[in-house]
Each structure stands twice: as C-alpha cells, then as structure tokens.
Amino acid sequence: MAHETTQGNGRETDSARPMEVGMVLYGGHTMLDFVGPHLAFASAGMRVHLVSDSLGPVVSDTGVAVLPTVTLESCPADLDILFVPGGRVDEVLLDRAKAEFLSHHGRTASYITSVCTGSLVLAAAGLLDGYRAATHWATRDQLARFGVEVSDERVCVDRNRVTGGGVTAGIDFGLTLVARTLGEDAAKLSQLAMEYNPRPPFDAGSPEGAGPEVVARFAEFAEATFGEHIDESIARTISRVLERRAAPSEA
C-alpha cells in the first residue's frame, strides 16, 4: 500500500512503498503491548518486522512464545517506525546489543515509539532526551528518573516521539500513528476491521476508577513481581546514561 510522505529525523519516506516497522521483542515482553499496534499497522498495509537477537522463540511475560521475523543484524536499515513494547524490562534495560540497535535506528527512523514500560527502554537508549513521553501509570516515577517529562496521556505525541500508556493503550497508540502517517480514513478502516468499540465491564482501568483498595493490591503484586529487580536495573542503567551524557564534555 502506498502512503503519504512523512518526515521524522530529517528523512522523508518514499510514498511508493509500504512503511517499514521494526518491533523489538525481548524475553518478558507483554504481548498485548505489541499485538494491538501490530494489528493496526498490518491491517493498514505496513510491513511489520518482529526483531530480536535470533529467530528463536521469544517468551512473553505470560509464557506465550513469539517467533521473530528478523534479527538485530538482518533488520531493514531504513525503518519508518521503531517500536518497543513494555513488560518485564529489568533485563532488556541492561542489554547493550538492543540499546545499540535502538540508538542506531533511532537516528534515522521517522517515528520513535513505545507502549507501556517500553518508554523506559527508549529512555535508557537516550531516545527520549528532551521529549515528553507516556508509560504505565505505575512506572511514571521510574520514567521520570531518566529525566524524561512524563505524560499521563493515553497516547502522548511529542514531535516524532509517540508513546502509549499501559498495555491496552497500544491499540489507541497504533490507530493514532496510522492516522498520522496514512490518514484518518486508513485508521478508521483499521479500527472497524478489529471492531474496536470498547465498553469495559468495570471502571477500573485507572487508579482513580479502581479505587485505593484495588490499587494497593496491585502495588503489592507489582512489588513482589518486579520491585527489587527493576529498581536495580534502572539504577545501573541511569549510571550508564549519566556516563554517556558526560562523555562529550570530557572529549
């Protein structure tokens, strides 16, 4: 499918070819973070690449395995959209190979994007310096530790950085990005195709709606599941980020 000419980091895309999307997978990712956007992108005619270290199965945080389509090395050079899903990011934050991949492709991709805690991974790679970004409501303080201006929007658009909030925000994120790149008609067609007409049974999708008791129970679960590991990974990653930021002044 042809698409409108878009411009990101100083590069215009060719309107005669499908848009190229690189979605970076890692062990412990949350499937819905990328499956929603993947469906929106693919149904709009974009060419989506699932990127990882190898072509072996990548296990999600619920134990479902996903097969990548390209490796870090074989991924197309000119990506229009670079994307990172959220999930258990404590290990990927310290993964230098993926950080280098993101940094390299982030220089040329038209859009740098994420859903949920994927924004922490972008921040660790230096791709959110000077930008506003969204993340899961429970990790806003952690994203702020990277010096990022944190947004509480469901989909945050700051120039060519487009970031979604937690998990299900990925569908809204995907449709928003399709609309920005291919037009509203393409996004509406994609939304209709997936019958995205949400009517949740409870008003519990935000801390305000869920109430203090449910929020407290979630906090206990999150602390037991991620707490110590994510704090340690972020601390180590921030040290690396500070070293990288200081390097030019020392040269």
Protein backbone atom coordinates (compact mmCIF):
# COMPACT_ATOMS: atom_id res chain seq x y z
CA MET A 1 0.00 0.00 0.00
CA ALA A 2 1.31 3.43 -0.88
CA HIS A 3 1.37 6.01 1.88
CA GLU A 4 1.71 9.72 2.32
CA THR A 5 5.18 11.20 2.58
CA THR A 6 6.17 11.59 6.20
CA GLN A 7 9.17 13.17 7.81
CA GLY A 8 10.88 12.29 11.08
CA ASN A 9 14.55 12.70 11.91
CA GLY A 10 15.34 14.65 8.78
CA ARG A 11 14.41 11.76 6.45
CA GLU A 12 11.47 11.60 4.10
CA THR A 13 9.89 8.26 3.36
CA ASP A 14 9.17 7.04 -0.15
CA SER A 15 5.41 7.28 -0.77
CA ALA A 16 5.60 4.43 -3.30
CA ARG A 17 6.50 1.71 -0.80
CA PRO A 18 4.90 0.23 2.33
CA MET A 19 6.06 1.71 5.61
CA GLU A 20 8.64 -0.38 7.43
CA VAL A 21 8.01 -1.05 11.13
CA GLY A 22 10.55 -2.61 13.48
CA MET A 23 9.07 -4.00 16.72
CA VAL A 24 11.81 -5.04 19.16
CA LEU A 25 11.00 -8.17 21.19
CA TYR A 26 12.74 -9.39 24.33
CA GLY A 27 12.17 -12.03 26.96
CA GLY A 28 9.41 -10.96 29.34
CA HIS A 29 7.62 -8.57 26.97
CA THR A 30 3.86 -8.09 27.32
CA MET A 31 2.20 -9.47 24.20
CA LEU A 32 -0.76 -7.09 24.11
CA ASP A 33 1.64 -4.14 24.12
CA PHE A 34 2.70 -5.02 20.58
CA VAL A 35 -0.14 -7.22 19.27
CA GLY A 36 -2.64 -4.33 19.27
CA PRO A 37 -0.32 -1.97 17.37
CA HIS A 38 0.82 -4.85 15.12
CA LEU A 39 -2.77 -5.48 14.02
CA ALA A 40 -3.37 -1.77 13.40
CA PHE A 41 -0.15 -1.43 11.39
CA ALA A 42 -0.52 -4.63 9.40
CA SER A 43 -4.17 -4.03 8.53
CA ALA A 44 -3.15 -0.60 7.21
CA GLY A 45 -0.65 -2.19 4.82
CA MET A 46 2.54 -1.55 6.75
CA ARG A 47 5.35 -4.12 6.63
CA VAL A 48 5.97 -5.19 10.25
CA HIS A 49 9.22 -6.83 11.37
CA LEU A 50 9.49 -8.57 14.75
CA VAL A 51 13.10 -8.03 15.79
CA SER A 52 15.18 -9.96 18.31
CA ASP A 53 18.67 -11.37 18.86
CA SER A 54 17.89 -14.53 16.92
CA LEU A 55 14.97 -16.17 15.14
CA GLY A 56 14.34 -18.42 18.13
CA PRO A 57 11.15 -18.12 20.21
CA VAL A 58 10.89 -15.10 22.50
CA VAL A 59 8.83 -15.87 25.61
CA SER A 60 6.40 -13.23 26.86
CA ASP A 61 5.66 -12.39 30.49
CA THR A 62 2.73 -14.84 30.44
CA GLY A 63 4.73 -17.69 28.91
CA VAL A 64 3.49 -17.41 25.33
CA ALA A 65 6.31 -17.71 22.79
CA VAL A 66 6.55 -15.44 19.74
CA LEU A 67 8.71 -16.07 16.67
CA PRO A 68 10.73 -13.07 15.45
CA THR A 69 10.89 -12.43 11.71
CA VAL A 70 14.31 -10.73 11.61
CA THR A 71 17.37 -10.43 13.83
CA LEU A 72 19.06 -7.28 15.08
CA GLU A 73 21.58 -7.70 12.27
CA SER A 74 19.16 -8.54 9.45
CA CYS A 75 16.53 -5.91 10.24
CA PRO A 76 15.96 -3.48 7.34
CA ALA A 77 18.19 -0.43 7.62
CA ASP A 78 15.55 2.20 6.88
CA LEU A 79 12.73 1.85 9.40
CA ASP A 80 9.87 4.31 9.30
CA ILE A 81 8.66 3.29 12.76
CA LEU A 82 10.85 1.98 15.58
CA PHE A 83 8.81 0.42 18.40
CA VAL A 84 9.44 -1.12 21.83
CA PRO A 85 6.72 -2.88 23.86
CA GLY A 86 6.66 -2.94 27.62
CA GLY A 87 6.80 -5.83 30.05
CA ARG A 88 9.43 -7.07 32.46
CA VAL A 89 12.12 -4.66 31.31
CA ASP A 90 14.71 -5.24 34.05
CA GLU A 91 16.90 -7.39 31.77
CA VAL A 92 16.42 -5.55 28.47
CA LEU A 93 17.38 -2.27 30.16
CA LEU A 94 20.85 -3.74 30.61
CA ASP A 95 21.03 -5.33 27.14
CA ARG A 96 23.75 -3.37 25.32
CA ALA A 97 23.10 -5.04 21.95
CA LYS A 98 19.47 -3.90 21.92
CA ALA A 99 20.43 -0.46 23.25
CA GLU A 100 22.90 -0.07 20.39
CA PHE A 101 20.27 -1.27 17.90
CA LEU A 102 17.77 1.30 19.19
CA SER A 103 20.32 4.08 19.24
CA HIS A 104 21.43 3.28 15.68
CA HIS A 105 17.95 3.01 14.16
CA GLY A 106 16.71 5.90 16.27
CA ARG A 107 18.94 8.24 14.28
CA THR A 108 17.04 7.60 11.06
CA ALA A 109 13.57 6.25 11.89
CA SER A 110 10.73 8.65 11.15
CA TYR A 111 8.95 7.76 14.40
CA ILE A 112 10.41 6.54 17.71
CA THR A 113 7.65 4.80 19.65
CA SER A 114 6.69 2.56 22.55
CA VAL A 115 3.83 1.30 24.67
CA CYS A 116 3.75 0.87 28.44
CA THR A 117 7.20 0.38 30.02
CA GLY A 118 8.77 0.29 26.57
CA SER A 119 9.35 4.02 27.14
CA LEU A 120 11.84 3.11 29.88
CA VAL A 121 13.82 1.17 27.27
CA LEU A 122 13.74 4.12 24.87
CA ALA A 123 14.88 6.42 27.67
CA ALA A 124 17.74 4.08 28.55
CA ALA A 125 18.89 4.24 24.91
CA GLY A 126 18.87 8.04 25.04
CA LEU A 127 15.94 8.35 22.65
CA LEU A 128 13.67 10.37 24.94
CA ASP A 129 16.14 13.07 25.99
CA GLY A 130 14.27 16.36 25.72
CA TYR A 131 10.94 14.70 24.95
CA ARG A 132 7.66 14.13 26.75
CA ALA A 133 6.51 10.51 26.99
CA ALA A 134 3.87 8.22 28.49
CA THR A 135 4.20 4.92 30.29
CA HIS A 136 2.14 2.61 32.51
CA TRP A 137 0.66 4.62 35.39
CA ALA A 138 2.62 2.55 37.93
CA THR A 139 6.01 3.38 36.37
CA ARG A 140 5.72 7.14 35.82
CA ASP A 141 8.10 7.87 38.69
CA GLN A 142 10.63 5.44 37.23
CA LEU A 143 10.47 7.09 33.80
CA ALA A 144 10.99 10.48 35.45
CA ARG A 145 14.26 9.18 36.93
CA PHE A 146 15.69 9.27 33.39
CA GLY A 147 14.97 12.99 33.19
CA VAL A 148 12.01 12.47 30.86
CA GLU A 149 8.99 14.77 31.06
CA VAL A 150 6.28 12.26 31.98
CA SER A 151 2.80 12.48 30.45
CA ASP A 152 -0.36 10.93 31.85
CA GLU A 153 -1.97 10.87 28.39
CA ARG A 154 -3.18 7.57 26.98
CA VAL A 155 -1.23 8.38 23.82
CA CYS A 156 1.45 11.04 24.04
CA VAL A 157 2.67 12.69 20.82
CA ASP A 158 5.74 14.91 21.08
CA ARG A 159 7.06 15.67 17.60
CA ASN A 160 8.14 12.27 16.22
CA ARG A 161 8.03 10.50 19.59
CA VAL A 162 4.72 8.67 20.04
CA THR A 163 4.28 6.71 23.27
CA GLY A 164 1.32 4.86 24.72
CA GLY A 165 0.31 4.27 28.32
CA GLY A 166 -0.20 0.84 29.79
CA VAL A 167 -0.91 -2.29 27.74
CA THR A 168 -4.36 -1.73 26.18
CA ALA A 169 -3.32 1.81 25.22
CA GLY A 170 -1.38 0.04 22.46
CA ILE A 171 -4.49 -0.13 20.29
CA ASP A 172 -5.14 3.60 20.67
CA PHE A 173 -1.46 4.22 20.04
CA GLY A 174 -1.47 2.11 16.88
CA LEU A 175 -4.54 3.82 15.43
CA THR A 176 -3.14 7.25 16.32
CA LEU A 177 0.08 6.51 14.46
CA VAL A 178 -1.75 5.07 11.44
CA ALA A 179 -3.81 8.28 11.29
CA ARG A 180 -0.69 10.45 11.46
CA THR A 181 1.13 8.54 8.73
CA LEU A 182 -1.59 7.23 6.41
CA GLY A 183 -4.54 9.43 7.24
CA GLU A 184 -7.71 9.17 9.32
CA ASP A 185 -9.55 7.07 6.75
CA ALA A 186 -6.90 4.33 7.00
CA ALA A 187 -7.07 4.42 10.80
CA LYS A 188 -10.87 4.28 10.82
CA LEU A 189 -10.84 1.31 8.46
CA SER A 190 -8.36 -0.47 10.72
CA GLN A 191 -10.47 0.30 13.79
CA LEU A 192 -13.60 -1.03 12.12
CA ALA A 193 -11.80 -4.17 10.94
CA MET A 194 -10.80 -5.03 14.51
CA GLU A 195 -14.22 -3.90 15.85
CA TYR A 196 -12.50 -1.72 18.39
CA ASN A 197 -15.53 -0.35 20.24
CA PRO A 198 -14.53 -0.74 23.89
CA ARG A 199 -17.17 -0.92 26.59
CA PRO A 200 -15.34 -2.25 29.65
CA PRO A 201 -17.44 -4.03 32.28
CA PHE A 202 -15.85 -2.02 35.11
CA ASP A 203 -14.46 1.47 35.61
CA ALA A 204 -11.21 0.07 36.97
CA GLY A 205 -8.75 0.87 34.19
CA SER A 206 -7.11 3.73 36.09
CA PRO A 207 -6.07 4.25 39.71
CA GLU A 208 -8.85 6.84 40.07
CA GLY A 209 -11.52 4.45 38.81
CA ALA A 210 -10.22 1.33 40.55
CA GLY A 211 -10.04 2.94 43.99
CA PRO A 212 -7.42 2.74 46.75
CA GLU A 213 -8.03 -0.87 47.81
CA VAL A 214 -7.51 -2.30 44.30
CA VAL A 215 -4.53 -0.01 43.74
CA ALA A 216 -2.96 -1.23 46.98
CA ARG A 217 -3.42 -4.86 45.95
CA PHE A 218 -1.81 -4.12 42.59
CA ALA A 219 1.11 -2.39 44.32
CA GLU A 220 1.72 -5.49 46.45
CA PHE A 221 1.67 -7.69 43.33
CA ALA A 222 3.98 -5.37 41.39
CA GLU A 223 6.46 -5.11 44.24
CA ALA A 224 6.60 -8.88 44.68
CA THR A 225 6.95 -9.46 40.94
CA PHE A 226 9.17 -6.63 39.72
CA GLY A 227 10.18 -4.38 42.61
CA GLU A 228 13.78 -5.15 43.53
CA HIS A 229 14.86 -6.22 40.04
CA ILE A 230 13.51 -3.18 38.20
CA ASP A 231 14.91 -0.75 40.78
CA GLU A 232 18.37 -2.27 40.48
CA SER A 233 18.24 -2.31 36.68
CA ILE A 234 17.12 1.30 36.49
CA ALA A 235 19.84 2.41 38.90
CA ARG A 236 22.51 0.66 36.81
CA THR A 237 21.04 1.98 33.58
CA ILE A 238 20.87 5.56 34.84
CA SER A 239 24.55 5.35 35.80
CA ARG A 240 25.32 4.33 32.22
CA VAL A 241 23.11 7.12 30.85
CA LEU A 242 24.88 9.72 33.00
CA GLU A 243 28.24 8.48 31.78
CA ARG A 244 27.07 8.76 28.18
CA ARG A 245 25.77 12.29 28.71
CA ALA A 246 29.01 13.36 30.36
CA ALA A 247 31.25 11.88 27.65
CA PRO A 248 31.03 14.78 25.11
CA SER A 249 32.10 17.36 27.70
CA GLU A 250 35.13 15.27 28.56
CA ALA A 251 36.25 14.94 24.96
